């Protein structure tokens, strides 16, 4: 029974760490949009998206598009 509690606590710790990382990524994406004056949004499994020529492009691929 004790190992179940430990496993549960480890799972909760990883879940909280993941949520904090997602919140930080969302904030960094929002800050990038504020600093550059571009429209940005955060997509859950893609990351920061930037609006370029009426379409959304991942921020990591911006050099390819420009």
PDB file of N, CA and C in Angstrom:
ATOM      1  N   UNK A   1       0.812  -1.196   0.000  1.00  0.00           N
ATOM      2  CA  UNK A   1       0.000   0.000   0.000  1.00  0.00           C
ATOM      3  C   UNK A   1       0.859   1.265   0.000  1.00  0.00           C
ATOM      4  N   UNK A   2       1.980   1.219   0.682  1.00  0.00           N
ATOM      5  CA  UNK A   2       2.825   2.402   0.779  1.00  0.00           C
ATOM      6  C   UNK A   2       3.398   2.794  -0.582  1.00  0.00           C
ATOM      7  N   UNK A   3       3.737   1.815  -1.411  1.00  0.00           N
ATOM      8  CA  UNK A   3       4.293   2.115  -2.728  1.00  0.00           C
ATOM      9  C   UNK A   3       3.268   2.802  -3.619  1.00  0.00           C
ATOM     10  N   UNK A   4       1.975   2.543  -3.410  1.00  0.00           N
ATOM     11  CA  UNK A   4       0.934   3.217  -4.197  1.00  0.00           C
ATOM     12  C   UNK A   4       0.893   4.710  -3.870  1.00  0.00           C
ATOM     13  N   UNK A   5       1.040   5.045  -2.619  1.00  0.00           N
ATOM     14  CA  UNK A   5       1.057   6.453  -2.221  1.00  0.00           C
ATOM     15  C   UNK A   5       2.271   7.169  -2.811  1.00  0.00           C
ATOM     16  N   UNK A   6       3.407   6.504  -2.784  1.00  0.00           N
ATOM     17  CA  UNK A   6       4.623   7.089  -3.342  1.00  0.00           C
ATOM     18  C   UNK A   6       4.475   7.269  -4.853  1.00  0.00           C
ATOM     19  N   UNK A   7       3.937   6.268  -5.533  1.00  0.00           N
ATOM     20  CA  UNK A   7       3.727   6.366  -6.980  1.00  0.00           C
ATOM     21  C   UNK A   7       2.740   7.500  -7.295  1.00  0.00           C
ATOM     22  N   UNK A   8       1.701   7.622  -6.517  1.00  0.00           N
ATOM     23  CA  UNK A   8       0.723   8.689  -6.724  1.00  0.00           C
ATOM     24  C   UNK A   8       1.360  10.059  -6.525  1.00  0.00           C
ATOM     25  N   UNK A   9       2.167  10.213  -5.491  1.00  0.00           N
ATOM     26  CA  UNK A   9       2.830  11.491  -5.241  1.00  0.00           C
ATOM     27  C   UNK A   9       3.809  11.850  -6.354  1.00  0.00           C
ATOM     28  N   UNK A  10       4.507  10.852  -6.887  1.00  0.00           N
ATOM     29  CA  UNK A  10       5.411  11.096  -8.009  1.00  0.00           C
ATOM     30  C   UNK A  10       4.615  11.534  -9.235  1.00  0.00           C
ATOM     31  N   UNK A  11       3.487  10.871  -9.492  1.00  0.00           N
ATOM     32  CA  UNK A  11       2.628  11.250 -10.612  1.00  0.00           C
ATOM     33  C   UNK A  11       2.127  12.685 -10.462  1.00  0.00           C
ATOM     34  N   UNK A  12       1.681  13.052  -9.280  1.00  0.00           N
ATOM     35  CA  UNK A  12       1.183  14.411  -9.029  1.00  0.00           C
ATOM     36  C   UNK A  12       2.310  15.428  -9.216  1.00  0.00           C
ATOM     37  N   UNK A  13       3.501  15.101  -8.759  1.00  0.00           N
ATOM     38  CA  UNK A  13       4.639  16.011  -8.919  1.00  0.00           C
ATOM     39  C   UNK A  13       4.955  16.238 -10.392  1.00  0.00           C
ATOM     40  N   UNK A  14       4.956  15.169 -11.190  1.00  0.00           N
ATOM     41  CA  UNK A  14       5.212  15.316 -12.619  1.00  0.00           C
ATOM     42  C   UNK A  14       4.098  16.098 -13.309  1.00  0.00           C
ATOM     43  N   UNK A  15       2.854  15.876 -12.916  1.00  0.00           N
ATOM     44  CA  UNK A  15       1.726  16.610 -13.500  1.00  0.00           C
ATOM     45  C   UNK A  15       1.832  18.101 -13.193  1.00  0.00           C
ATOM     46  N   UNK A  16       2.179  18.438 -11.975  1.00  0.00           N
ATOM     47  CA  UNK A  16       2.343  19.849 -11.613  1.00  0.00           C
ATOM     48  C   UNK A  16       3.513  20.476 -12.355  1.00  0.00           C
ATOM     49  N   UNK A  17       4.597  19.749 -12.487  1.00  0.00           N
ATOM     50  CA  UNK A  17       5.748  20.246 -13.231  1.00  0.00           C
ATOM     51  C   UNK A  17       5.386  20.488 -14.692  1.00  0.00           C
ATOM     52  N   UNK A  18       4.617  19.589 -15.284  1.00  0.00           N
ATOM     53  CA  UNK A  18       4.176  19.749 -16.670  1.00  0.00           C
ATOM     54  C   UNK A  18       3.279  20.977 -16.815  1.00  0.00           C
ATOM     55  N   UNK A  19       2.369  21.185 -15.872  1.00  0.00           N
ATOM     56  CA  UNK A  19       1.487  22.353 -15.928  1.00  0.00           C
ATOM     57  C   UNK A  19       2.271  23.660 -15.796  1.00  0.00           C
ATOM     58  N   UNK A  20       3.253  23.695 -14.948  1.00  0.00           N
ATOM     59  CA  UNK A  20       4.084  24.889 -14.797  1.00  0.00           C
ATOM     60  C   UNK A  20       4.861  25.157 -16.081  1.00  0.00           C
ATOM     61  N   UNK A  21       5.367  24.113 -16.704  1.00  0.00           N
ATOM     62  CA  UNK A  21       6.101  24.278 -17.965  1.00  0.00           C
ATOM     63  C   UNK A  21       5.187  24.804 -19.065  1.00  0.00           C
ATOM     64  N   UNK A  22       3.949  24.307 -19.146  1.00  0.00           N
ATOM     65  CA  UNK A  22       2.996  24.789 -20.149  1.00  0.00           C
ATOM     66  C   UNK A  22       2.644  26.255 -19.892  1.00  0.00           C
ATOM     67  N   UNK A  23       2.463  26.631 -18.645  1.00  0.00           N
ATOM     68  CA  UNK A  23       2.150  28.025 -18.320  1.00  0.00           C
ATOM     69  C   UNK A  23       3.319  28.941 -18.694  1.00  0.00           C
ATOM     70  N   UNK A  24       4.535  28.494 -18.454  1.00  0.00           N
ATOM     71  CA  UNK A  24       5.709  29.288 -18.819  1.00  0.00           C
ATOM     72  C   UNK A  24       5.801  29.446 -20.338  1.00  0.00           C
ATOM     73  N   UNK A  25       5.549  28.368 -21.088  1.00  0.00           N
ATOM     74  CA  UNK A  25       5.598  28.433 -22.547  1.00  0.00           C
ATOM     75  C   UNK A  25       4.528  29.367 -23.089  1.00  0.00           C
ATOM     76  N   UNK A  26       3.337  29.308 -22.526  1.00  0.00           N
ATOM     77  CA  UNK A  26       2.254  30.199 -22.941  1.00  0.00           C
ATOM     78  C   UNK A  26       2.647  31.650 -22.675  1.00  0.00           C
ATOM     79  N   UNK A  27       3.215  31.922 -21.533  1.00  0.00           N
ATOM     80  CA  UNK A  27       3.644  33.276 -21.198  1.00  0.00           C
ATOM     81  C   UNK A  27       4.754  33.770 -22.107  1.00  0.00           C
ATOM     82  N   UNK A  28       5.698  32.902 -22.433  1.00  0.00           N
ATOM     83  CA  UNK A  28       6.792  33.281 -23.336  1.00  0.00           C
ATOM     84  C   UNK A  28       6.253  33.587 -24.726  1.00  0.00           C
ATOM     85  N   UNK A  29       5.268  32.835 -25.178  1.00  0.00           N
ATOM     86  CA  UNK A  29       4.656  33.085 -26.486  1.00  0.00           C
ATOM     87  C   UNK A  29       3.925  34.427 -26.480  1.00  0.00           C
ATOM     88  N   UNK A  30       3.199  34.681 -25.434  1.00  0.00           N
ATOM     89  CA  UNK A  30       2.485  35.950 -25.316  1.00  0.00           C
ATOM     90  C   UNK A  30       3.465  37.121 -25.257  1.00  0.00           C
ATOM     91  N   UNK A  31       4.546  36.958 -24.528  1.00  0.00           N
ATOM     92  CA  UNK A  31       5.557  38.007 -24.425  1.00  0.00           C
ATOM     93  C   UNK A  31       6.221  38.270 -25.778  1.00  0.00           C
ATOM     94  N   UNK A  32       6.481  37.216 -26.557  1.00  0.00           N
ATOM     95  CA  UNK A  32       7.055  37.360 -27.890  1.00  0.00           C
ATOM     96  C   UNK A  32       6.130  38.197 -28.777  1.00  0.00           C
ATOM     97  N   UNK A  33       4.845  37.911 -28.713  1.00  0.00           N
ATOM     98  CA  UNK A  33       3.881  38.687 -29.495  1.00  0.00           C
ATOM     99  C   UNK A  33       3.843  40.141 -29.070  1.00  0.00           C
ATOM    100  N   UNK A  34       3.935  40.384 -27.780  1.00  0.00           N
ATOM    101  CA  UNK A  34       3.932  41.756 -27.267  1.00  0.00           C
ATOM    102  C   UNK A  34       5.187  42.508 -27.723  1.00  0.00           C
ATOM    103  N   UNK A  35       6.335  41.860 -27.660  1.00  0.00           N
ATOM    104  CA  UNK A  35       7.593  42.509 -28.013  1.00  0.00           C
ATOM    105  C   UNK A  35       7.716  42.785 -29.513  1.00  0.00           C
ATOM    106  N   UNK A  36       7.181  41.902 -30.345  1.00  0.00           N
ATOM    107  CA  UNK A  36       7.323  42.061 -31.789  1.00  0.00           C
ATOM    108  C   UNK A  36       6.123  42.723 -32.443  1.00  0.00           C
ATOM    109  N   UNK A  37       5.020  42.859 -31.722  1.00  0.00           N
ATOM    110  CA  UNK A  37       3.825  43.450 -32.286  1.00  0.00           C
ATOM    111  C   UNK A  37       3.086  42.523 -33.238  1.00  0.00           C
ATOM    112  N   UNK A  38       3.323  41.234 -33.123  1.00  0.00           N
ATOM    113  CA  UNK A  38       2.669  40.246 -33.983  1.00  0.00           C
ATOM    114  C   UNK A  38       1.550  39.541 -33.238  1.00  0.00           C
ATOM    115  N   UNK A  39       0.636  38.967 -34.010  1.00  0.00           N
ATOM    116  CA  UNK A  39      -0.415  38.143 -33.421  1.00  0.00           C
ATOM    117  C   UNK A  39       0.165  36.769 -33.133  1.00  0.00           C
ATOM    118  N   UNK A  40       0.038  36.323 -31.898  1.00  0.00           N
ATOM    119  CA  UNK A  40       0.536  35.007 -31.509  1.00  0.00           C
ATOM    120  C   UNK A  40      -0.548  34.267 -30.753  1.00  0.00           C
ATOM    121  N   UNK A  41      -0.434  32.958 -30.770  1.00  0.00           N
ATOM    122  CA  UNK A  41      -1.281  32.109 -29.925  1.00  0.00           C
ATOM    123  C   UNK A  41      -0.495  30.857 -29.595  1.00  0.00           C
ATOM    124  N   UNK A  42      -0.858  30.236 -28.499  1.00  0.00           N
ATOM    125  CA  UNK A  42      -0.147  29.043 -28.058  1.00  0.00           C
ATOM    126  C   UNK A  42      -0.991  27.816 -28.377  1.00  0.00           C
ATOM    127  N   UNK A  43      -0.446  26.909 -29.158  1.00  0.00           N
ATOM    128  CA  UNK A  43      -1.103  25.647 -29.482  1.00  0.00           C
ATOM    129  C   UNK A  43      -0.513  24.561 -28.585  1.00  0.00           C
ATOM    130  N   UNK A  44      -1.370  23.759 -28.005  1.00  0.00           N
ATOM    131  CA  UNK A  44      -0.956  22.808 -26.969  1.00  0.00           C
ATOM    132  C   UNK A  44       0.181  21.881 -27.384  1.00  0.00           C
ATOM    133  N   UNK A  45       0.120  21.262 -28.532  1.00  0.00           N
ATOM    134  CA  UNK A  45       1.126  20.274 -28.894  1.00  0.00           C
ATOM    135  C   UNK A  45       2.097  20.773 -29.957  1.00  0.00           C
ATOM    136  N   UNK A  46       1.933  22.014 -30.399  1.00  0.00           N
ATOM    137  CA  UNK A  46       2.805  22.581 -31.424  1.00  0.00           C
ATOM    138  C   UNK A  46       3.734  23.621 -30.829  1.00  0.00           C
ATOM    139  N   UNK A  47       3.200  24.460 -29.974  1.00  0.00           N
ATOM    140  CA  UNK A  47       3.985  25.522 -29.367  1.00  0.00           C
ATOM    141  C   UNK A  47       3.478  26.878 -29.805  1.00  0.00           C
ATOM    142  N   UNK A  48       4.359  27.833 -29.862  1.00  0.00           N
ATOM    143  CA  UNK A  48       3.996  29.204 -30.189  1.00  0.00           C
ATOM    144  C   UNK A  48       3.731  29.332 -31.692  1.00  0.00           C
ATOM    145  N   UNK A  49       2.580  29.893 -32.032  1.00  0.00           N
ATOM    146  CA  UNK A  49       2.203  30.106 -33.427  1.00  0.00           C
ATOM    147  C   UNK A  49       2.163  31.605 -33.692  1.00  0.00           C
ATOM    148  N   UNK A  50       2.645  32.018 -34.871  1.00  0.00           N
ATOM    149  CA  UNK A  50       2.690  33.428 -35.253  1.00  0.00           C
ATOM    150  C   UNK A  50       1.889  33.582 -36.540  1.00  0.00           C
ATOM    151  N   UNK A  51       1.081  34.636 -36.608  1.00  0.00           N
ATOM    152  CA  UNK A  51       0.271  34.873 -37.795  1.00  0.00           C
ATOM    153  C   UNK A  51       1.113  35.591 -38.843  1.00  0.00           C
ATOM    154  N   UNK A  52       1.271  34.939 -40.023  1.00  0.00           N
ATOM    155  CA  UNK A  52       2.051  35.486 -41.124  1.00  0.00           C
ATOM    156  C   UNK A  52       1.203  35.360 -42.383  1.00  0.00           C
ATOM    157  N   UNK A  53       0.929  36.472 -43.026  1.00  0.00           N
ATOM    158  CA  UNK A  53       0.150  36.474 -44.269  1.00  0.00           C
ATOM    159  C   UNK A  53      -1.155  35.693 -44.134  1.00  0.00           C
ATOM    160  N   UNK A  54      -1.917  36.001 -43.109  1.00  0.00           N
ATOM    161  CA  UNK A  54      -3.243  35.397 -42.875  1.00  0.00           C
ATOM    162  C   UNK A  54      -3.223  33.889 -42.615  1.00  0.00           C
ATOM    163  N   UNK A  55      -2.073  33.345 -42.200  1.00  0.00           N
ATOM    164  CA  UNK A  55      -2.014  31.946 -41.795  1.00  0.00           C
ATOM    165  C   UNK A  55      -1.127  31.828 -40.567  1.00  0.00           C
ATOM    166  N   UNK A  56      -1.333  30.780 -39.795  1.00  0.00           N
ATOM    167  CA  UNK A  56      -0.580  30.561 -38.572  1.00  0.00           C
ATOM    168  C   UNK A  56       0.601  29.640 -38.847  1.00  0.00           C
ATOM    169  N   UNK A  57       1.789  30.089 -38.444  1.00  0.00           N
ATOM    170  CA  UNK A  57       3.035  29.349 -38.668  1.00  0.00           C
ATOM    171  C   UNK A  57       3.717  29.145 -37.310  1.00  0.00           C
ATOM    172  N   UNK A  58       4.265  27.946 -37.059  1.00  0.00           N
ATOM    173  CA  UNK A  58       5.013  27.753 -35.812  1.00  0.00           C
ATOM    174  C   UNK A  58       6.191  28.727 -35.732  1.00  0.00           C
ATOM    175  N   UNK A  59       6.414  29.264 -34.568  1.00  0.00           N
ATOM    176  CA  UNK A  59       7.491  30.250 -34.387  1.00  0.00           C
ATOM    177  C   UNK A  59       8.848  29.682 -34.778  1.00  0.00           C
ATOM    178  N   UNK A  60       9.052  28.400 -34.564  1.00  0.00           N
ATOM    179  CA  UNK A  60      10.332  27.783 -34.889  1.00  0.00           C
ATOM    180  C   UNK A  60      10.570  27.728 -36.405  1.00  0.00           C
ATOM    181  N   UNK A  61       9.531  27.867 -37.216  1.00  0.00           N
ATOM    182  CA  UNK A  61       9.660  27.824 -38.668  1.00  0.00           C
ATOM    183  C   UNK A  61       9.562  29.209 -39.295  1.00  0.00           C
ATOM    184  N   UNK A  62       9.648  30.246 -38.526  1.00  0.00           N
ATOM    185  CA  UNK A  62       9.477  31.593 -39.055  1.00  0.00           C
ATOM    186  C   UNK A  62      10.561  31.982 -40.045  1.00  0.00           C
ATOM    187  N   UNK A  63      11.780  31.563 -39.854  1.00  0.00           N
ATOM    188  CA  UNK A  63      12.854  31.908 -40.782  1.00  0.00           C
ATOM    189  C   UNK A  63      12.610  31.306 -42.162  1.00  0.00           C
ATOM    190  N   UNK A  64      11.995  30.170 -42.210  1.00  0.00           N
ATOM    191  CA  UNK A  64      11.696  29.510 -43.480  1.00  0.00           C
ATOM    192  C   UNK A  64      10.664  30.314 -44.256  1.00  0.00           C
ATOM    193  N   UNK A  65       9.681  30.866 -43.576  1.00  0.00           N
ATOM    194  CA  UNK A  65       8.582  31.578 -44.214  1.00  0.00           C
ATOM    195  C   UNK A  65       9.026  32.959 -44.678  1.00  0.00           C
ATOM    196  N   UNK A  66       9.873  33.616 -43.907  1.00  0.00           N
ATOM    197  CA  UNK A  66      10.225  35.016 -44.218  1.00  0.00           C
ATOM    198  C   UNK A  66      11.168  35.119 -45.347  1.00  0.00           C
TER     199      UNK A  66
END
